[in-house]
């Protein structure tokens, strides 16, 4: 005598073979996501809860839960089918796949029939069908999206493009003989820039050249720290009037940022900023940005744990 599980599977397969011929997808009493009265009162006929989510997003390696809420099920059977290969995953509480990650759960006190997918992988993404064994069968469709951490990060910053700016601009005044200290901050980049070039332009002669630590001038150093926000520091020691002009930071993945540097001999305009003051202001900005980065990391961590 065939087992109960075999009878369940045979009934489902027979019903699934006639779905295309019996289902009116255009609408009416025989349409998808609507269940017929079956000759009795419409209040007693099985029906899907329209408030059930039709789109579910899960993280790679985490569990995915697809819900199907059926009112007045009676003696009908609820099954889950994967549309990618039309594979019958579950029938009632029985599982018909060798993939042990799939399991149907149901509590007698509720109308929910949940497909639980353990350790979700990106190949699991797609459409899943919750099917009730009425005649003709009726279905509720749920689309599963599986994303990884990189996609979440990109979505968080999708409305922001990589940008560069030099802290303390647009004008910086330093005393002759002091150190010119410039800080270029590159933000909102999915990965650190491959390179960053610094340029110095004499605005009188129009001469523009790349700043290099091994230039004949000497006393030049560039330090770059890469990360979620990349920072490049340019230090020019013993500033002279010839060091005045426009300084530009040009990363590989963002627009050029510029600042004007004025090397003054004893003059102290209201906008005067010494090299040490520039350093202090820069660090205050960096600390603030690090605090924002830590906050975003905590939010991402909370999302992953949920």
C-alpha atoms as a PDB file:
ATOM      1  CA  UNK A   1       0.000   0.000   0.000  1.00  0.00           C
ATOM      2  CA  UNK A   2       1.510   3.382  -0.948  1.00  0.00           C
ATOM      3  CA  UNK A   3       2.630   5.670   1.875  1.00  0.00           C
ATOM      4  CA  UNK A   4       0.791   8.862   2.830  1.00  0.00           C
ATOM      5  CA  UNK A   5       3.660  10.980   1.493  1.00  0.00           C
ATOM      6  CA  UNK A   6       3.516   9.230  -1.889  1.00  0.00           C
ATOM      7  CA  UNK A   7      -0.271   9.857  -2.138  1.00  0.00           C
ATOM      8  CA  UNK A   8       0.258  13.544  -1.314  1.00  0.00           C
ATOM      9  CA  UNK A   9       2.862  13.862  -4.038  1.00  0.00           C
ATOM     10  CA  UNK A  10       0.718  12.075  -6.636  1.00  0.00           C
ATOM     11  CA  UNK A  11      -2.231  14.372  -5.924  1.00  0.00           C
ATOM     12  CA  UNK A  12      -0.070  17.467  -6.234  1.00  0.00           C
ATOM     13  CA  UNK A  13       1.601  16.392  -9.467  1.00  0.00           C
ATOM     14  CA  UNK A  14      -1.790  15.617 -11.008  1.00  0.00           C
ATOM     15  CA  UNK A  15      -3.121  18.997  -9.992  1.00  0.00           C
ATOM     16  CA  UNK A  16      -0.007  20.808 -11.240  1.00  0.00           C
ATOM     17  CA  UNK A  17      -0.286  19.207 -14.682  1.00  0.00           C
ATOM     18  CA  UNK A  18      -3.700  20.804 -15.258  1.00  0.00           C
ATOM     19  CA  UNK A  19      -2.933  24.238 -13.887  1.00  0.00           C
ATOM     20  CA  UNK A  20      -2.135  25.809 -17.269  1.00  0.00           C
ATOM     21  CA  UNK A  21      -5.329  24.473 -18.799  1.00  0.00           C
ATOM     22  CA  UNK A  22      -7.576  25.363 -15.903  1.00  0.00           C
ATOM     23  CA  UNK A  23      -6.326  28.707 -14.728  1.00  0.00           C
ATOM     24  CA  UNK A  24      -7.595  31.965 -16.189  1.00  0.00           C
ATOM     25  CA  UNK A  25      -4.728  34.436 -15.629  1.00  0.00           C
ATOM     26  CA  UNK A  26      -6.766  37.342 -16.962  1.00  0.00           C
ATOM     27  CA  UNK A  27      -8.888  37.667 -13.823  1.00  0.00           C
ATOM     28  CA  UNK A  28     -12.273  36.691 -12.450  1.00  0.00           C
ATOM     29  CA  UNK A  29     -13.092  33.774 -10.190  1.00  0.00           C
ATOM     30  CA  UNK A  30     -10.457  31.562 -11.808  1.00  0.00           C
ATOM     31  CA  UNK A  31      -7.566  34.039 -11.779  1.00  0.00           C
ATOM     32  CA  UNK A  32      -4.163  33.709 -10.191  1.00  0.00           C
ATOM     33  CA  UNK A  33      -4.140  34.629  -6.477  1.00  0.00           C
ATOM     34  CA  UNK A  34      -7.937  34.218  -6.243  1.00  0.00           C
ATOM     35  CA  UNK A  35      -9.684  31.080  -4.991  1.00  0.00           C
ATOM     36  CA  UNK A  36     -13.167  29.857  -6.078  1.00  0.00           C
ATOM     37  CA  UNK A  37     -16.013  29.323  -3.678  1.00  0.00           C
ATOM     38  CA  UNK A  38     -16.178  25.624  -4.559  1.00  0.00           C
ATOM     39  CA  UNK A  39     -19.971  25.563  -4.576  1.00  0.00           C
ATOM     40  CA  UNK A  40     -20.323  26.745  -0.968  1.00  0.00           C
ATOM     41  CA  UNK A  41     -20.314  30.088   0.698  1.00  0.00           C
ATOM     42  CA  UNK A  42     -17.479  32.392  -0.433  1.00  0.00           C
ATOM     43  CA  UNK A  43     -16.715  33.006   3.239  1.00  0.00           C
ATOM     44  CA  UNK A  44     -15.701  29.339   3.628  1.00  0.00           C
ATOM     45  CA  UNK A  45     -13.635  29.103   0.452  1.00  0.00           C
ATOM     46  CA  UNK A  46      -9.819  29.124   0.737  1.00  0.00           C
ATOM     47  CA  UNK A  47      -8.296  32.535   0.041  1.00  0.00           C
ATOM     48  CA  UNK A  48      -4.874  34.138   0.162  1.00  0.00           C
ATOM     49  CA  UNK A  49      -4.128  37.027   2.490  1.00  0.00           C
ATOM     50  CA  UNK A  50      -3.306  39.931   0.166  1.00  0.00           C
ATOM     51  CA  UNK A  51      -1.150  41.562   2.853  1.00  0.00           C
ATOM     52  CA  UNK A  52       1.431  38.766   2.698  1.00  0.00           C
ATOM     53  CA  UNK A  53       4.772  40.096   1.325  1.00  0.00           C
ATOM     54  CA  UNK A  54       5.390  39.183  -2.312  1.00  0.00           C
ATOM     55  CA  UNK A  55       9.063  40.263  -2.240  1.00  0.00           C
ATOM     56  CA  UNK A  56      11.529  38.912   0.313  1.00  0.00           C
ATOM     57  CA  UNK A  57      15.207  39.858   0.656  1.00  0.00           C
ATOM     58  CA  UNK A  58      17.729  37.643   2.448  1.00  0.00           C
ATOM     59  CA  UNK A  59      21.470  37.835   3.103  1.00  0.00           C
ATOM     60  CA  UNK A  60      23.856  35.241   1.696  1.00  0.00           C
ATOM     61  CA  UNK A  61      24.416  32.557   4.336  1.00  0.00           C
ATOM     62  CA  UNK A  62      21.390  33.572   6.410  1.00  0.00           C
ATOM     63  CA  UNK A  63      17.891  32.062   6.561  1.00  0.00           C
ATOM     64  CA  UNK A  64      15.142  33.151   4.174  1.00  0.00           C
ATOM     65  CA  UNK A  65      11.469  32.874   5.129  1.00  0.00           C
ATOM     66  CA  UNK A  66       8.753  32.921   2.439  1.00  0.00           C
ATOM     67  CA  UNK A  67       5.243  33.215   3.862  1.00  0.00           C
ATOM     68  CA  UNK A  68       1.955  32.037   2.407  1.00  0.00           C
ATOM     69  CA  UNK A  69      -1.173  32.820   4.422  1.00  0.00           C
ATOM     70  CA  UNK A  70      -4.251  30.781   3.434  1.00  0.00           C
ATOM     71  CA  UNK A  71      -7.646  31.416   5.023  1.00  0.00           C
ATOM     72  CA  UNK A  72     -10.245  28.620   5.307  1.00  0.00           C
ATOM     73  CA  UNK A  73      -7.912  25.945   3.947  1.00  0.00           C
ATOM     74  CA  UNK A  74     -10.132  23.067   5.036  1.00  0.00           C
ATOM     75  CA  UNK A  75      -8.834  19.697   3.831  1.00  0.00           C
ATOM     76  CA  UNK A  76      -6.798  21.179   0.980  1.00  0.00           C
ATOM     77  CA  UNK A  77      -3.021  20.871   0.781  1.00  0.00           C
ATOM     78  CA  UNK A  78      -0.486  23.694   0.559  1.00  0.00           C
ATOM     79  CA  UNK A  79       2.654  23.109  -1.527  1.00  0.00           C
ATOM     80  CA  UNK A  80       5.742  25.132  -2.461  1.00  0.00           C
ATOM     81  CA  UNK A  81       7.195  24.992  -5.988  1.00  0.00           C
ATOM     82  CA  UNK A  82      10.420  26.586  -7.262  1.00  0.00           C
ATOM     83  CA  UNK A  83       9.729  28.175 -10.641  1.00  0.00           C
ATOM     84  CA  UNK A  84      13.316  28.109 -11.881  1.00  0.00           C
ATOM     85  CA  UNK A  85      13.088  24.378 -12.535  1.00  0.00           C
ATOM     86  CA  UNK A  86       9.416  23.704 -11.554  1.00  0.00           C
ATOM     87  CA  UNK A  87      10.721  21.545  -8.721  1.00  0.00           C
ATOM     88  CA  UNK A  88       8.171  20.571  -6.061  1.00  0.00           C
ATOM     89  CA  UNK A  89       9.877  21.438  -2.787  1.00  0.00           C
ATOM     90  CA  UNK A  90       7.239  20.671  -0.171  1.00  0.00           C
ATOM     91  CA  UNK A  91       3.723  19.217   0.054  1.00  0.00           C
ATOM     92  CA  UNK A  92       2.033  19.990   3.339  1.00  0.00           C
ATOM     93  CA  UNK A  93       4.634  19.172   5.967  1.00  0.00           C
ATOM     94  CA  UNK A  94       6.609  16.809   3.711  1.00  0.00           C
ATOM     95  CA  UNK A  95       9.787  17.812   1.883  1.00  0.00           C
ATOM     96  CA  UNK A  96      10.386  16.469  -1.641  1.00  0.00           C
ATOM     97  CA  UNK A  97      13.941  17.609  -2.322  1.00  0.00           C
ATOM     98  CA  UNK A  98      17.307  16.199  -1.355  1.00  0.00           C
ATOM     99  CA  UNK A  99      18.446  19.717  -0.470  1.00  0.00           C
ATOM    100  CA  UNK A 100      18.098  19.694   3.306  1.00  0.00           C
ATOM    101  CA  UNK A 101      18.077  23.506   3.405  1.00  0.00           C
ATOM    102  CA  UNK A 102      14.402  23.564   2.376  1.00  0.00           C
ATOM    103  CA  UNK A 103      11.676  22.982   4.941  1.00  0.00           C
ATOM    104  CA  UNK A 104       7.983  23.848   5.216  1.00  0.00           C
ATOM    105  CA  UNK A 105       6.711  24.927   8.624  1.00  0.00           C
ATOM    106  CA  UNK A 106       3.127  25.376   9.815  1.00  0.00           C
ATOM    107  CA  UNK A 107       1.555  25.962  13.201  1.00  0.00           C
ATOM    108  CA  UNK A 108      -2.035  24.651  13.572  1.00  0.00           C
ATOM    109  CA  UNK A 109      -2.968  27.859  15.379  1.00  0.00           C
ATOM    110  CA  UNK A 110      -2.131  30.034  12.343  1.00  0.00           C
ATOM    111  CA  UNK A 111      -2.911  30.249   8.636  1.00  0.00           C
ATOM    112  CA  UNK A 112       0.771  30.632   7.729  1.00  0.00           C
ATOM    113  CA  UNK A 113       2.608  28.068   5.600  1.00  0.00           C
ATOM    114  CA  UNK A 114       6.237  29.195   5.569  1.00  0.00           C
ATOM    115  CA  UNK A 115       9.003  27.960   3.296  1.00  0.00           C
ATOM    116  CA  UNK A 116      12.238  28.097   5.287  1.00  0.00           C
ATOM    117  CA  UNK A 117      15.463  28.193   3.235  1.00  0.00           C
ATOM    118  CA  UNK A 118      18.541  27.745   5.416  1.00  0.00           C
ATOM    119  CA  UNK A 119      21.900  29.286   4.484  1.00  0.00           C
ATOM    120  CA  UNK A 120      20.455  31.090   1.442  1.00  0.00           C
ATOM    121  CA  UNK A 121      22.684  31.285  -1.637  1.00  0.00           C
ATOM    122  CA  UNK A 122      22.422  33.637  -4.607  1.00  0.00           C
ATOM    123  CA  UNK A 123      21.320  30.714  -6.792  1.00  0.00           C
ATOM    124  CA  UNK A 124      18.196  30.468  -4.588  1.00  0.00           C
ATOM    125  CA  UNK A 125      16.936  33.838  -5.841  1.00  0.00           C
ATOM    126  CA  UNK A 126      13.838  33.753  -8.013  1.00  0.00           C
ATOM    127  CA  UNK A 127      10.093  33.101  -7.955  1.00  0.00           C
ATOM    128  CA  UNK A 128       8.496  30.574  -5.612  1.00  0.00           C
ATOM    129  CA  UNK A 129       4.875  29.421  -5.898  1.00  0.00           C
ATOM    130  CA  UNK A 130       2.618  28.642  -2.964  1.00  0.00           C
ATOM    131  CA  UNK A 131      -0.084  26.361  -4.374  1.00  0.00           C
ATOM    132  CA  UNK A 132      -3.407  25.214  -2.876  1.00  0.00           C
ATOM    133  CA  UNK A 133      -4.910  21.927  -4.122  1.00  0.00           C
ATOM    134  CA  UNK A 134      -8.288  23.293  -5.184  1.00  0.00           C
ATOM    135  CA  UNK A 135      -9.822  22.485  -8.569  1.00  0.00           C
ATOM    136  CA  UNK A 136      -8.456  24.294 -10.436  1.00  0.00           C
ATOM    137  CA  UNK A 137      -5.383  24.917  -8.310  1.00  0.00           C
ATOM    138  CA  UNK A 138      -4.696  28.477  -7.256  1.00  0.00           C
ATOM    139  CA  UNK A 139      -1.309  30.050  -6.514  1.00  0.00           C
ATOM    140  CA  UNK A 140       0.417  32.832  -4.653  1.00  0.00           C
ATOM    141  CA  UNK A 141       3.832  33.949  -5.910  1.00  0.00           C
ATOM    142  CA  UNK A 142       6.746  35.214  -3.829  1.00  0.00           C
ATOM    143  CA  UNK A 143      10.006  36.579  -5.290  1.00  0.00           C
ATOM    144  CA  UNK A 144      13.180  35.984  -3.288  1.00  0.00           C
ATOM    145  CA  UNK A 145      16.157  38.318  -3.586  1.00  0.00           C
ATOM    146  CA  UNK A 146      19.495  37.195  -2.107  1.00  0.00           C
ATOM    147  CA  UNK A 147      22.171  39.855  -1.579  1.00  0.00           C
ATOM    148  CA  UNK A 148      25.643  39.961  -0.049  1.00  0.00           C
ATOM    149  CA  UNK A 149      27.284  42.598   2.139  1.00  0.00           C
ATOM    150  CA  UNK A 150      28.929  44.400  -0.797  1.00  0.00           C
ATOM    151  CA  UNK A 151      25.534  44.966  -2.423  1.00  0.00           C
ATOM    152  CA  UNK A 152      24.158  46.384   0.811  1.00  0.00           C
ATOM    153  CA  UNK A 153      27.094  48.784   1.071  1.00  0.00           C
ATOM    154  CA  UNK A 154      26.578  49.953  -2.508  1.00  0.00           C
ATOM    155  CA  UNK A 155      22.856  50.452  -1.912  1.00  0.00           C
ATOM    156  CA  UNK A 156      23.558  52.536   1.205  1.00  0.00           C
ATOM    157  CA  UNK A 157      25.738  54.915  -0.816  1.00  0.00           C
ATOM    158  CA  UNK A 158      24.030  54.559  -4.215  1.00  0.00           C
ATOM    159  CA  UNK A 159      22.875  58.187  -4.077  1.00  0.00           C
ATOM    160  CA  UNK A 160      26.413  59.460  -3.493  1.00  0.00           C
ATOM    161  CA  UNK A 161      29.272  59.553  -5.996  1.00  0.00           C
ATOM    162  CA  UNK A 162      32.998  59.517  -5.155  1.00  0.00           C
ATOM    163  CA  UNK A 163      34.194  63.012  -4.274  1.00  0.00           C
ATOM    164  CA  UNK A 164      37.433  64.689  -3.209  1.00  0.00           C
ATOM    165  CA  UNK A 165      37.968  67.865  -1.196  1.00  0.00           C
ATOM    166  CA  UNK A 166      40.906  69.604   0.440  1.00  0.00           C
ATOM    167  CA  UNK A 167      40.202  70.528   4.035  1.00  0.00           C
ATOM    168  CA  UNK A 168      40.540  74.166   5.026  1.00  0.00           C
ATOM    169  CA  UNK A 169      39.917  75.581   1.551  1.00  0.00           C
ATOM    170  CA  UNK A 170      39.302  77.446  -0.622  1.00  0.00           C
ATOM    171  CA  UNK A 171      42.213  79.635   0.587  1.00  0.00           C
ATOM    172  CA  UNK A 172      45.021  78.854   2.991  1.00  0.00           C
ATOM    173  CA  UNK A 173      47.431  81.489   4.339  1.00  0.00           C
ATOM    174  CA  UNK A 174      50.772  80.452   5.834  1.00  0.00           C
ATOM    175  CA  UNK A 175      53.820  82.339   7.100  1.00  0.00           C
ATOM    176  CA  UNK A 176      57.032  82.251   5.147  1.00  0.00           C
ATOM    177  CA  UNK A 177      59.285  79.520   6.532  1.00  0.00           C
ATOM    178  CA  UNK A 178      56.413  77.477   7.995  1.00  0.00           C
ATOM    179  CA  UNK A 179      55.079  74.151   6.700  1.00  0.00           C
ATOM    180  CA  UNK A 180      52.299  73.980   4.149  1.00  0.00           C
ATOM    181  CA  UNK A 181      50.010  71.168   5.294  1.00  0.00           C
ATOM    182  CA  UNK A 182      47.233  70.052   2.933  1.00  0.00           C
ATOM    183  CA  UNK A 183      44.786  67.198   3.552  1.00  0.00           C
ATOM    184  CA  UNK A 184      42.771  65.685   0.683  1.00  0.00           C
ATOM    185  CA  UNK A 185      39.779  63.528   1.654  1.00  0.00           C
ATOM    186  CA  UNK A 186      38.209  61.074  -0.828  1.00  0.00           C
ATOM    187  CA  UNK A 187      34.752  59.798   0.193  1.00  0.00           C
ATOM    188  CA  UNK A 188      31.856  57.631  -1.057  1.00  0.00           C
ATOM    189  CA  UNK A 189      34.070  55.387  -3.164  1.00  0.00           C
ATOM    190  CA  UNK A 190      33.309  51.614  -3.339  1.00  0.00           C
ATOM    191  CA  UNK A 191      37.066  51.038  -3.256  1.00  0.00           C
ATOM    192  CA  UNK A 192      40.130  53.209  -2.546  1.00  0.00           C
ATOM    193  CA  UNK A 193      41.589  55.151  -5.506  1.00  0.00           C
ATOM    194  CA  UNK A 194      44.344  53.394  -7.418  1.00  0.00           C
ATOM    195  CA  UNK A 195      46.475  56.540  -7.232  1.00  0.00           C
ATOM    196  CA  UNK A 196      46.397  60.198  -6.100  1.00  0.00           C
ATOM    197  CA  UNK A 197      48.438  62.934  -7.782  1.00  0.00           C
ATOM    198  CA  UNK A 198      49.188  66.342  -6.265  1.00  0.00           C
ATOM    199  CA  UNK A 199      49.762  69.347  -8.565  1.00  0.00           C
ATOM    200  CA  UNK A 200      51.134  72.840  -7.972  1.00  0.00           C
ATOM    201  CA  UNK A 201      50.213  75.651 -10.371  1.00  0.00           C
ATOM    202  CA  UNK A 202      51.873  79.081 -10.356  1.00  0.00           C
ATOM    203  CA  UNK A 203      48.878  81.307 -11.075  1.00  0.00           C
ATOM    204  CA  UNK A 204      51.123  84.108 -12.347  1.00  0.00           C
ATOM    205  CA  UNK A 205      53.065  82.140 -14.940  1.00  0.00           C
ATOM    206  CA  UNK A 206      50.463  79.390 -15.418  1.00  0.00           C
ATOM    207  CA  UNK A 207      53.148  76.743 -14.975  1.00  0.00           C
ATOM    208  CA  UNK A 208      51.684  73.523 -13.559  1.00  0.00           C
ATOM    209  CA  UNK A 209      53.654  70.482 -12.426  1.00  0.00           C
ATOM    210  CA  UNK A 210      53.250  67.262 -10.494  1.00  0.00           C
ATOM    211  CA  UNK A 211      54.495  67.469  -6.901  1.00  0.00           C
ATOM    212  CA  UNK A 212      56.956  64.712  -6.106  1.00  0.00           C
ATOM    213  CA  UNK A 213      58.829  63.871  -2.926  1.00  0.00           C
ATOM    214  CA  UNK A 214      62.052  63.561  -4.974  1.00  0.00           C
ATOM    215  CA  UNK A 215      61.724  66.989  -6.624  1.00  0.00           C
ATOM    216  CA  UNK A 216      64.725  69.294  -6.687  1.00  0.00           C
ATOM    217  CA  UNK A 217      62.994  71.628  -4.227  1.00  0.00           C
ATOM    218  CA  UNK A 218      63.242  69.088  -1.394  1.00  0.00           C
ATOM    219  CA  UNK A 219      61.286  69.107   1.852  1.00  0.00           C
ATOM    220  CA  UNK A 220      58.191  67.590   0.207  1.00  0.00           C
ATOM    221  CA  UNK A 221      56.395  64.518   1.561  1.00  0.00           C
ATOM    222  CA  UNK A 222      53.112  62.800   0.643  1.00  0.00           C
ATOM    223  CA  UNK A 223      51.397  60.264   2.915  1.00  0.00           C
ATOM    224  CA  UNK A 224      48.243  58.421   1.833  1.00  0.00           C
ATOM    225  CA  UNK A 225      46.023  56.343   4.104  1.00  0.00           C
ATOM    226  CA  UNK A 226      43.520  54.159   2.237  1.00  0.00           C
ATOM    227  CA  UNK A 227      40.259  52.872   3.664  1.00  0.00           C
ATOM    228  CA  UNK A 228      36.489  53.477   3.540  1.00  0.00           C
ATOM    229  CA  UNK A 229      37.514  57.150   3.351  1.00  0.00           C
ATOM    230  CA  UNK A 230      40.964  57.712   1.832  1.00  0.00           C
ATOM    231  CA  UNK A 231      43.128  60.576   3.103  1.00  0.00           C
ATOM    232  CA  UNK A 232      46.232  61.992   1.391  1.00  0.00           C
ATOM    233  CA  UNK A 233      48.504  64.435   3.218  1.00  0.00           C
ATOM    234  CA  UNK A 234      50.868  66.841   1.425  1.00  0.00           C
ATOM    235  CA  UNK A 235      53.576  68.541   3.517  1.00  0.00           C
ATOM    236  CA  UNK A 236      55.830  71.246   2.057  1.00  0.00           C
ATOM    237  CA  UNK A 237      58.446  72.461   4.537  1.00  0.00           C
ATOM    238  CA  UNK A 238      60.081  75.912   4.721  1.00  0.00           C
ATOM    239  CA  UNK A 239      57.474  77.657   2.600  1.00  0.00           C
ATOM    240  CA  UNK A 240      58.664  80.464   0.313  1.00  0.00           C
ATOM    241  CA  UNK A 241      56.714  82.940  -1.849  1.00  0.00           C
ATOM    242  CA  UNK A 242      57.458  80.667  -4.826  1.00  0.00           C
ATOM    243  CA  UNK A 243      55.322  78.007  -3.140  1.00  0.00           C
ATOM    244  CA  UNK A 244      52.226  80.167  -3.403  1.00  0.00           C
ATOM    245  CA  UNK A 245      49.618  79.170  -5.973  1.00  0.00           C
ATOM    246  CA  UNK A 246      46.920  76.591  -6.619  1.00  0.00           C
ATOM    247  CA  UNK A 247      47.370  73.080  -5.204  1.00  0.00           C
ATOM    248  CA  UNK A 248      45.257  70.264  -6.607  1.00  0.00           C
ATOM    249  CA  UNK A 249      44.485  66.754  -5.407  1.00  0.00           C
ATOM    250  CA  UNK A 250      43.633  64.417  -8.297  1.00  0.00           C
ATOM    251  CA  UNK A 251      42.492  60.883  -7.330  1.00  0.00           C
ATOM    252  CA  UNK A 252      41.906  58.197  -9.951  1.00  0.00           C
ATOM    253  CA  UNK A 253      38.210  57.819  -9.131  1.00  0.00           C
ATOM    254  CA  UNK A 254      36.952  61.351  -8.366  1.00  0.00           C
ATOM    255  CA  UNK A 255      36.979  64.917  -9.638  1.00  0.00           C
ATOM    256  CA  UNK A 256      39.976  67.151  -8.900  1.00  0.00           C
ATOM    257  CA  UNK A 257      39.882  69.234  -5.689  1.00  0.00           C
ATOM    258  CA  UNK A 258      41.855  72.477  -5.408  1.00  0.00           C
ATOM    259  CA  UNK A 259      42.907  75.114  -2.876  1.00  0.00           C
ATOM    260  CA  UNK A 260      44.859  78.383  -3.117  1.00  0.00           C
ATOM    261  CA  UNK A 261      47.892  78.753  -0.868  1.00  0.00           C
ATOM    262  CA  UNK A 262      49.228  82.209   0.006  1.00  0.00           C
ATOM    263  CA  UNK A 263      52.717  82.384   1.541  1.00  0.00           C
ATOM    264  CA  UNK A 264      52.956  85.698   3.392  1.00  0.00           C
ATOM    265  CA  UNK A 265      55.956  87.604   4.729  1.00  0.00           C
ATOM    266  CA  UNK A 266      54.841  89.055   8.052  1.00  0.00           C
ATOM    267  CA  UNK A 267      51.327  89.950   6.884  1.00  0.00           C
ATOM    268  CA  UNK A 268      48.420  88.574   8.942  1.00  0.00           C
ATOM    269  CA  UNK A 269      45.070  88.932   7.169  1.00  0.00           C
ATOM    270  CA  UNK A 270      41.852  87.955   8.936  1.00  0.00           C
ATOM    271  CA  UNK A 271      41.828  84.649   7.055  1.00  0.00           C
ATOM    272  CA  UNK A 272      45.391  83.820   8.204  1.00  0.00           C
ATOM    273  CA  UNK A 273      45.881  80.138   8.924  1.00  0.00           C
ATOM    274  CA  UNK A 274      49.241  78.707   9.934  1.00  0.00           C
ATOM    275  CA  UNK A 275      50.440  75.288   8.998  1.00  0.00           C
ATOM    276  CA  UNK A 276      49.836  73.997  12.555  1.00  0.00           C
ATOM    277  CA  UNK A 277      46.329  75.428  12.618  1.00  0.00           C
ATOM    278  CA  UNK A 278      45.597  73.722   9.323  1.00  0.00           C
ATOM    279  CA  UNK A 279      46.726  70.440  10.843  1.00  0.00           C
ATOM    280  CA  UNK A 280      44.438  70.895  13.855  1.00  0.00           C
ATOM    281  CA  UNK A 281      41.402  71.681  11.727  1.00  0.00           C
ATOM    282  CA  UNK A 282      42.146  68.733   9.468  1.00  0.00           C
ATOM    283  CA  UNK A 283      42.306  66.305  12.366  1.00  0.00           C
ATOM    284  CA  UNK A 284      39.042  67.599  13.784  1.00  0.00           C
ATOM    285  CA  UNK A 285      37.348  66.886  10.444  1.00  0.00           C
ATOM    286  CA  UNK A 286      38.956  63.443  10.236  1.00  0.00           C
ATOM    287  CA  UNK A 287      37.776  62.513  13.733  1.00  0.00           C
ATOM    288  CA  UNK A 288      34.240  63.583  12.824  1.00  0.00           C
ATOM    289  CA  UNK A 289      34.321  61.506   9.651  1.00  0.00           C
ATOM    290  CA  UNK A 290      35.619  58.481  11.545  1.00  0.00           C
ATOM    291  CA  UNK A 291      32.715  58.837  13.975  1.00  0.00           C
ATOM    292  CA  UNK A 292      30.276  58.780  11.039  1.00  0.00           C
ATOM    293  CA  UNK A 293      32.020  55.704   9.608  1.00  0.00           C
ATOM    294  CA  UNK A 294      31.745  53.901  12.974  1.00  0.00           C
ATOM    295  CA  UNK A 295      28.036  54.732  13.177  1.00  0.00           C
ATOM    296  CA  UNK A 296      27.432  53.379   9.678  1.00  0.00           C
ATOM    297  CA  UNK A 297      29.366  50.216  10.538  1.00  0.00           C
ATOM    298  CA  UNK A 298      27.171  49.676  13.611  1.00  0.00           C
ATOM    299  CA  UNK A 299      24.021  50.097  11.505  1.00  0.00           C
ATOM    300  CA  UNK A 300      25.320  47.588   8.956  1.00  0.00           C
ATOM    301  CA  UNK A 301      26.216  45.150  11.762  1.00  0.00           C
ATOM    302  CA  UNK A 302      22.705  45.473  13.219  1.00  0.00           C
ATOM    303  CA  UNK A 303      21.213  44.796   9.771  1.00  0.00           C
ATOM    304  CA  UNK A 304      23.320  41.664   9.363  1.00  0.00           C
ATOM    305  CA  UNK A 305      22.285  40.350  12.779  1.00  0.00           C
ATOM    306  CA  UNK A 306      18.581  40.914  12.118  1.00  0.00           C
END
